[in-house]
Amino acid sequence: ALSPEAIAATPPPAADEPNLVEAHGRVKAPGVGLCCIGAANALFAVGLLLWLTLGAWDASQQPGVFEHSDLKNTLLKLGLVTVPLLLVVLVLGVLVVAGGLYMRRLQHYPLAVAASILAVFGPLGLLGLPIGIWSMIVLMDPKVREAFAARKHANTAHRTEMPDPAQASPPRQEGWKIHIALVGVRDGKRVVHW
């Protein structure tokens, strides 16, 4: 999941793994940069959405503002284009923040690469360009890629086995049948048990 609590709960690499420690040091600063750019883009989108919403509400409270159909149609068309674009900028900003957080933890390599690319898009693209290039250069380093792979392997090796649903007690039935689906991941494949 992409929750900040889950990301923060993941410990940094152990000190006895020098390659992981070195890679962790290399990805830390670009990861922070991605988080800053993503947060700034998301805050920009939220701020502009609030400004547009409050402006439209304020205009609707003034008598006679929308008497001219040209002004009303122009504002409606502007809102129909601007609001979806700002929502896309907001989602991209959140993805860049998530990618930066995961990059700092040496997790989810594809998301970190995607965040590096997405940092260029948005209202702060000129600031995101050097950070995106910097983080891509760091992510393309073979030692960093190995560290991501080692971290992924370490995370999968330490997972506990999922309980066997066949051995679980049957669900209680009180007037209607209750179905419980257990969803998990086993050997990299999603498993669904009914």
C-alpha atoms as a PDB file:
ATOM      1  CA  ALA A   1       0.000   0.000   0.000  1.00  0.00           C
ATOM      2  CA  LEU A   2       1.073   3.588  -0.443  1.00  0.00           C
ATOM      3  CA  SER A   3       0.209   4.777   3.061  1.00  0.00           C
ATOM      4  CA  PRO A   4       2.856   6.969   4.692  1.00  0.00           C
ATOM      5  CA  GLU A   5       2.647   4.869   7.861  1.00  0.00           C
ATOM      6  CA  ALA A   6       3.570   1.705   5.962  1.00  0.00           C
ATOM      7  CA  ILE A   7       6.446   3.458   4.231  1.00  0.00           C
ATOM      8  CA  ALA A   8       7.735   4.991   7.460  1.00  0.00           C
ATOM      9  CA  ALA A   9       7.480   1.640   9.254  1.00  0.00           C
ATOM     10  CA  THR A  10       9.907   0.047   6.805  1.00  0.00           C
ATOM     11  CA  PRO A  11      13.345   0.133   8.410  1.00  0.00           C
ATOM     12  CA  PRO A  12      16.362   1.461   6.518  1.00  0.00           C
ATOM     13  CA  PRO A  13      18.937  -1.092   5.373  1.00  0.00           C
ATOM     14  CA  ALA A  14      20.970  -2.826   8.045  1.00  0.00           C
ATOM     15  CA  ALA A  15      24.443  -1.430   8.697  1.00  0.00           C
ATOM     16  CA  ASP A  16      26.072  -4.792   7.948  1.00  0.00           C
ATOM     17  CA  GLU A  17      25.091  -4.519   4.297  1.00  0.00           C
ATOM     18  CA  PRO A  18      27.606  -1.990   2.890  1.00  0.00           C
ATOM     19  CA  ASN A  19      26.183  -1.942  -0.660  1.00  0.00           C
ATOM     20  CA  LEU A  20      22.699  -1.228   0.659  1.00  0.00           C
ATOM     21  CA  VAL A  21      23.982   1.477   2.968  1.00  0.00           C
ATOM     22  CA  GLU A  22      25.904   3.136   0.130  1.00  0.00           C
ATOM     23  CA  ALA A  23      22.911   2.922  -2.211  1.00  0.00           C
ATOM     24  CA  HIS A  24      20.627   4.217   0.537  1.00  0.00           C
ATOM     25  CA  GLY A  25      22.899   7.231   0.904  1.00  0.00           C
ATOM     26  CA  ARG A  26      22.824   7.853  -2.848  1.00  0.00           C
ATOM     27  CA  VAL A  27      19.023   7.700  -3.227  1.00  0.00           C
ATOM     28  CA  LYS A  28      18.192   9.719  -0.125  1.00  0.00           C
ATOM     29  CA  ALA A  29      18.676  13.245  -1.509  1.00  0.00           C
ATOM     30  CA  PRO A  30      16.997  12.688  -4.906  1.00  0.00           C
ATOM     31  CA  GLY A  31      14.135  10.945  -3.097  1.00  0.00           C
ATOM     32  CA  VAL A  32      13.655  14.018  -0.912  1.00  0.00           C
ATOM     33  CA  GLY A  33      13.771  16.179  -4.033  1.00  0.00           C
ATOM     34  CA  LEU A  34      11.061  14.092  -5.667  1.00  0.00           C
ATOM     35  CA  CYS A  35       8.935  14.363  -2.521  1.00  0.00           C
ATOM     36  CA  CYS A  36       9.333  18.152  -2.490  1.00  0.00           C
ATOM     37  CA  ILE A  37       8.483  18.589  -6.179  1.00  0.00           C
ATOM     38  CA  GLY A  38       5.520  16.220  -5.962  1.00  0.00           C
ATOM     39  CA  ALA A  39       4.190  17.931  -2.841  1.00  0.00           C
ATOM     40  CA  ALA A  40       4.633  21.375  -4.399  1.00  0.00           C
ATOM     41  CA  ASN A  41       2.759  20.308  -7.547  1.00  0.00           C
ATOM     42  CA  ALA A  42      -0.034  18.740  -5.481  1.00  0.00           C
ATOM     43  CA  LEU A  43      -0.318  21.833  -3.244  1.00  0.00           C
ATOM     44  CA  PHE A  44      -0.375  24.060  -6.330  1.00  0.00           C
ATOM     45  CA  ALA A  45      -3.251  22.029  -7.763  1.00  0.00           C
ATOM     46  CA  VAL A  46      -5.190  22.029  -4.490  1.00  0.00           C
ATOM     47  CA  GLY A  47      -4.627  25.783  -4.032  1.00  0.00           C
ATOM     48  CA  LEU A  48      -5.780  26.600  -7.542  1.00  0.00           C
ATOM     49  CA  LEU A  49      -8.825  24.323  -7.192  1.00  0.00           C
ATOM     50  CA  LEU A  50      -9.773  26.096  -3.955  1.00  0.00           C
ATOM     51  CA  TRP A  51      -9.234  29.490  -5.546  1.00  0.00           C
ATOM     52  CA  LEU A  52     -11.417  28.598  -8.529  1.00  0.00           C
ATOM     53  CA  THR A  53     -14.117  27.131  -6.294  1.00  0.00           C
ATOM     54  CA  LEU A  54     -14.188  30.122  -3.959  1.00  0.00           C
ATOM     55  CA  GLY A  55     -14.124  32.534  -6.908  1.00  0.00           C
ATOM     56  CA  ALA A  56     -17.062  30.794  -8.573  1.00  0.00           C
ATOM     57  CA  TRP A  57     -18.981  30.742  -5.301  1.00  0.00           C
ATOM     58  CA  ASP A  58     -18.266  34.425  -4.691  1.00  0.00           C
ATOM     59  CA  ALA A  59     -19.341  35.326  -8.214  1.00  0.00           C
ATOM     60  CA  SER A  60     -22.563  33.356  -7.831  1.00  0.00           C
ATOM     61  CA  GLN A  61     -23.428  35.360  -4.714  1.00  0.00           C
ATOM     62  CA  GLN A  62     -23.293  38.688  -6.537  1.00  0.00           C
ATOM     63  CA  PRO A  63     -26.530  39.625  -8.305  1.00  0.00           C
ATOM     64  CA  GLY A  64     -26.417  40.067 -12.062  1.00  0.00           C
ATOM     65  CA  VAL A  65     -22.976  38.556 -12.652  1.00  0.00           C
ATOM     66  CA  PHE A  66     -24.246  35.727 -14.844  1.00  0.00           C
ATOM     67  CA  GLU A  67     -26.826  37.776 -16.771  1.00  0.00           C
ATOM     68  CA  HIS A  68     -24.520  37.819 -19.789  1.00  0.00           C
ATOM     69  CA  SER A  69     -24.599  34.343 -21.309  1.00  0.00           C
ATOM     70  CA  ASP A  70     -21.162  34.842 -22.910  1.00  0.00           C
ATOM     71  CA  LEU A  71     -19.476  35.257 -19.516  1.00  0.00           C
ATOM     72  CA  LYS A  72     -21.344  32.278 -18.102  1.00  0.00           C
ATOM     73  CA  ASN A  73     -20.401  30.034 -21.052  1.00  0.00           C
ATOM     74  CA  THR A  74     -16.770  31.174 -20.955  1.00  0.00           C
ATOM     75  CA  LEU A  75     -16.457  30.442 -17.240  1.00  0.00           C
ATOM     76  CA  LEU A  76     -18.163  27.067 -17.649  1.00  0.00           C
ATOM     77  CA  LYS A  77     -15.817  26.052 -20.473  1.00  0.00           C
ATOM     78  CA  LEU A  78     -12.788  27.239 -18.498  1.00  0.00           C
ATOM     79  CA  GLY A  79     -13.897  25.194 -15.504  1.00  0.00           C
ATOM     80  CA  LEU A  80     -14.560  22.078 -17.579  1.00  0.00           C
ATOM     81  CA  VAL A  81     -10.989  22.195 -18.877  1.00  0.00           C
ATOM     82  CA  THR A  82      -9.143  23.484 -15.816  1.00  0.00           C
ATOM     83  CA  VAL A  83     -10.623  21.292 -13.095  1.00  0.00           C
ATOM     84  CA  PRO A  84      -9.781  17.923 -14.738  1.00  0.00           C
ATOM     85  CA  LEU A  85      -6.267  19.154 -15.548  1.00  0.00           C
ATOM     86  CA  LEU A  86      -5.745  20.225 -11.953  1.00  0.00           C
ATOM     87  CA  LEU A  87      -7.003  16.857 -10.723  1.00  0.00           C
ATOM     88  CA  VAL A  88      -4.471  15.134 -13.006  1.00  0.00           C
ATOM     89  CA  VAL A  89      -1.713  17.394 -11.615  1.00  0.00           C
ATOM     90  CA  LEU A  90      -2.838  16.482  -8.094  1.00  0.00           C
ATOM     91  CA  VAL A  91      -2.707  12.735  -8.813  1.00  0.00           C
ATOM     92  CA  LEU A  92       0.688  13.048 -10.509  1.00  0.00           C
ATOM     93  CA  GLY A  93       1.995  15.014  -7.527  1.00  0.00           C
ATOM     94  CA  VAL A  94       0.859  12.298  -5.134  1.00  0.00           C
ATOM     95  CA  LEU A  95       2.500   9.623  -7.313  1.00  0.00           C
ATOM     96  CA  VAL A  96       5.769  11.576  -7.369  1.00  0.00           C
ATOM     97  CA  VAL A  97       5.691  11.904  -3.567  1.00  0.00           C
ATOM     98  CA  ALA A  98       5.024   8.165  -3.201  1.00  0.00           C
ATOM     99  CA  GLY A  99       7.827   7.350  -5.646  1.00  0.00           C
ATOM    100  CA  GLY A 100      10.232   9.592  -3.741  1.00  0.00           C
ATOM    101  CA  LEU A 101       9.321   7.992  -0.426  1.00  0.00           C
ATOM    102  CA  TYR A 102       9.758   4.505  -1.831  1.00  0.00           C
ATOM    103  CA  MET A 103      13.001   5.515  -3.524  1.00  0.00           C
ATOM    104  CA  ARG A 104      14.407   6.590  -0.165  1.00  0.00           C
ATOM    105  CA  ARG A 105      13.540   3.114   1.197  1.00  0.00           C
ATOM    106  CA  LEU A 106      14.989   1.268  -1.835  1.00  0.00           C
ATOM    107  CA  GLN A 107      11.567  -0.174  -2.627  1.00  0.00           C
ATOM    108  CA  HIS A 108       9.351  -0.297  -5.719  1.00  0.00           C
ATOM    109  CA  TYR A 109      11.972   0.469  -8.344  1.00  0.00           C
ATOM    110  CA  PRO A 110       9.410   0.926 -11.168  1.00  0.00           C
ATOM    111  CA  LEU A 111       7.480   3.500  -9.130  1.00  0.00           C
ATOM    112  CA  ALA A 112      10.699   5.382  -8.344  1.00  0.00           C
ATOM    113  CA  VAL A 113      11.570   5.485 -12.063  1.00  0.00           C
ATOM    114  CA  ALA A 114       8.039   6.599 -12.933  1.00  0.00           C
ATOM    115  CA  ALA A 115       8.195   9.333 -10.285  1.00  0.00           C
ATOM    116  CA  SER A 116      11.486  10.562 -11.742  1.00  0.00           C
ATOM    117  CA  ILE A 117       9.848  10.895 -15.143  1.00  0.00           C
ATOM    118  CA  LEU A 118       6.592  12.373 -13.821  1.00  0.00           C
ATOM    119  CA  ALA A 119       8.478  15.042 -11.840  1.00  0.00           C
ATOM    120  CA  VAL A 120       9.000  16.877 -15.128  1.00  0.00           C
ATOM    121  CA  PHE A 121       5.257  17.165 -15.789  1.00  0.00           C
ATOM    122  CA  GLY A 122       3.212  19.665 -13.879  1.00  0.00           C
ATOM    123  CA  PRO A 123       3.266  23.366 -13.157  1.00  0.00           C
ATOM    124  CA  LEU A 124       6.726  23.140 -11.576  1.00  0.00           C
ATOM    125  CA  GLY A 125       8.206  21.116 -14.423  1.00  0.00           C
ATOM    126  CA  LEU A 126      11.216  23.398 -14.808  1.00  0.00           C
ATOM    127  CA  LEU A 127      12.179  22.716 -11.196  1.00  0.00           C
ATOM    128  CA  GLY A 128      11.290  19.037 -11.571  1.00  0.00           C
ATOM    129  CA  LEU A 129      13.494  18.590 -14.646  1.00  0.00           C
ATOM    130  CA  PRO A 130      16.882  18.665 -12.873  1.00  0.00           C
ATOM    131  CA  ILE A 131      15.564  16.616  -9.968  1.00  0.00           C
ATOM    132  CA  GLY A 132      14.026  14.062 -12.324  1.00  0.00           C
ATOM    133  CA  ILE A 133      17.263  13.781 -14.329  1.00  0.00           C
ATOM    134  CA  TRP A 134      19.324  13.508 -11.136  1.00  0.00           C
ATOM    135  CA  SER A 135      17.124  10.787  -9.704  1.00  0.00           C
ATOM    136  CA  MET A 136      17.124   8.871 -13.019  1.00  0.00           C
ATOM    137  CA  ILE A 137      20.941   8.983 -13.127  1.00  0.00           C
ATOM    138  CA  VAL A 138      21.066   7.634  -9.573  1.00  0.00           C
ATOM    139  CA  LEU A 139      18.445   4.966 -10.303  1.00  0.00           C
ATOM    140  CA  MET A 140      20.285   3.764 -13.414  1.00  0.00           C
ATOM    141  CA  ASP A 141      23.467   3.113 -11.423  1.00  0.00           C
ATOM    142  CA  PRO A 142      24.035  -0.685 -11.354  1.00  0.00           C
ATOM    143  CA  LYS A 143      24.851  -0.645  -7.629  1.00  0.00           C
ATOM    144  CA  VAL A 144      21.591   1.130  -6.848  1.00  0.00           C
ATOM    145  CA  ARG A 145      19.635  -1.290  -9.037  1.00  0.00           C
ATOM    146  CA  GLU A 146      21.291  -4.201  -7.231  1.00  0.00           C
ATOM    147  CA  ALA A 147      20.375  -2.624  -3.904  1.00  0.00           C
ATOM    148  CA  PHE A 148      16.717  -2.361  -4.965  1.00  0.00           C
ATOM    149  CA  ALA A 149      16.802  -6.022  -6.041  1.00  0.00           C
ATOM    150  CA  ALA A 150      18.531  -7.101  -2.814  1.00  0.00           C
ATOM    151  CA  ARG A 151      16.015  -5.155  -0.736  1.00  0.00           C
ATOM    152  CA  LYS A 152      13.137  -6.750  -2.646  1.00  0.00           C
ATOM    153  CA  HIS A 153      14.647 -10.209  -2.159  1.00  0.00           C
ATOM    154  CA  ALA A 154      15.200  -9.543   1.558  1.00  0.00           C
ATOM    155  CA  ASN A 155      11.588  -8.378   1.974  1.00  0.00           C
ATOM    156  CA  THR A 156      10.178 -11.464   0.263  1.00  0.00           C
ATOM    157  CA  ALA A 157      12.506 -13.847   2.133  1.00  0.00           C
ATOM    158  CA  HIS A 158      11.370 -12.592   5.546  1.00  0.00           C
ATOM    159  CA  ARG A 159       7.635 -12.780   4.845  1.00  0.00           C
ATOM    160  CA  THR A 160       5.726 -15.227   6.925  1.00  0.00           C
ATOM    161  CA  GLU A 161       3.685 -17.830   5.138  1.00  0.00           C
ATOM    162  CA  MET A 162       0.017 -17.057   4.696  1.00  0.00           C
ATOM    163  CA  PRO A 163      -2.339 -19.246   6.722  1.00  0.00           C
ATOM    164  CA  ASP A 164      -4.023 -21.990   4.771  1.00  0.00           C
ATOM    165  CA  PRO A 165      -7.682 -21.009   4.321  1.00  0.00           C
ATOM    166  CA  ALA A 166      -8.698 -24.687   4.299  1.00  0.00           C
ATOM    167  CA  GLN A 167      -7.576 -24.980   7.932  1.00  0.00           C
ATOM    168  CA  ALA A 168      -9.367 -21.819   9.013  1.00  0.00           C
ATOM    169  CA  SER A 169     -12.636 -22.191  10.887  1.00  0.00           C
ATOM    170  CA  PRO A 170     -15.760 -21.888   8.734  1.00  0.00           C
ATOM    171  CA  PRO A 171     -17.561 -18.550   8.898  1.00  0.00           C
ATOM    172  CA  ARG A 172     -20.573 -18.270  11.188  1.00  0.00           C
ATOM    173  CA  GLN A 173     -23.951 -18.157   9.566  1.00  0.00           C
ATOM    174  CA  GLU A 174     -26.668 -16.123  11.203  1.00  0.00           C
ATOM    175  CA  GLY A 175     -29.626 -15.973   8.856  1.00  0.00           C
ATOM    176  CA  TRP A 176     -27.586 -15.465   5.687  1.00  0.00           C
ATOM    177  CA  LYS A 177     -24.475 -16.918   4.211  1.00  0.00           C
ATOM    178  CA  ILE A 178     -21.286 -14.947   4.809  1.00  0.00           C
ATOM    179  CA  HIS A 179     -18.467 -15.191   2.289  1.00  0.00           C
ATOM    180  CA  ILE A 180     -14.956 -14.166   3.184  1.00  0.00           C
ATOM    181  CA  ALA A 181     -12.277 -13.733   0.538  1.00  0.00           C
ATOM    182  CA  LEU A 182      -8.688 -14.022   1.609  1.00  0.00           C
ATOM    183  CA  VAL A 183      -6.379 -12.220  -0.820  1.00  0.00           C
ATOM    184  CA  GLY A 184      -2.645 -12.536  -0.598  1.00  0.00           C
ATOM    185  CA  VAL A 185       0.558 -12.807  -2.538  1.00  0.00           C
ATOM    186  CA  ARG A 186       2.443 -16.060  -2.769  1.00  0.00           C
ATOM    187  CA  ASP A 187       5.592 -16.399  -4.907  1.00  0.00           C
ATOM    188  CA  GLY A 188       4.919 -13.075  -6.625  1.00  0.00           C
ATOM    189  CA  LYS A 189       1.420 -14.106  -7.768  1.00  0.00           C
ATOM    190  CA  ARG A 190      -1.849 -12.834  -6.393  1.00  0.00           C
ATOM    191  CA  VAL A 191      -3.859 -15.585  -4.772  1.00  0.00           C
ATOM    192  CA  VAL A 192      -7.566 -15.349  -3.984  1.00  0.00           C
ATOM    193  CA  HIS A 193      -9.248 -17.948  -1.758  1.00  0.00           C
ATOM    194  CA  TRP A 194     -13.024 -18.123  -1.247  1.00  0.00           C
END
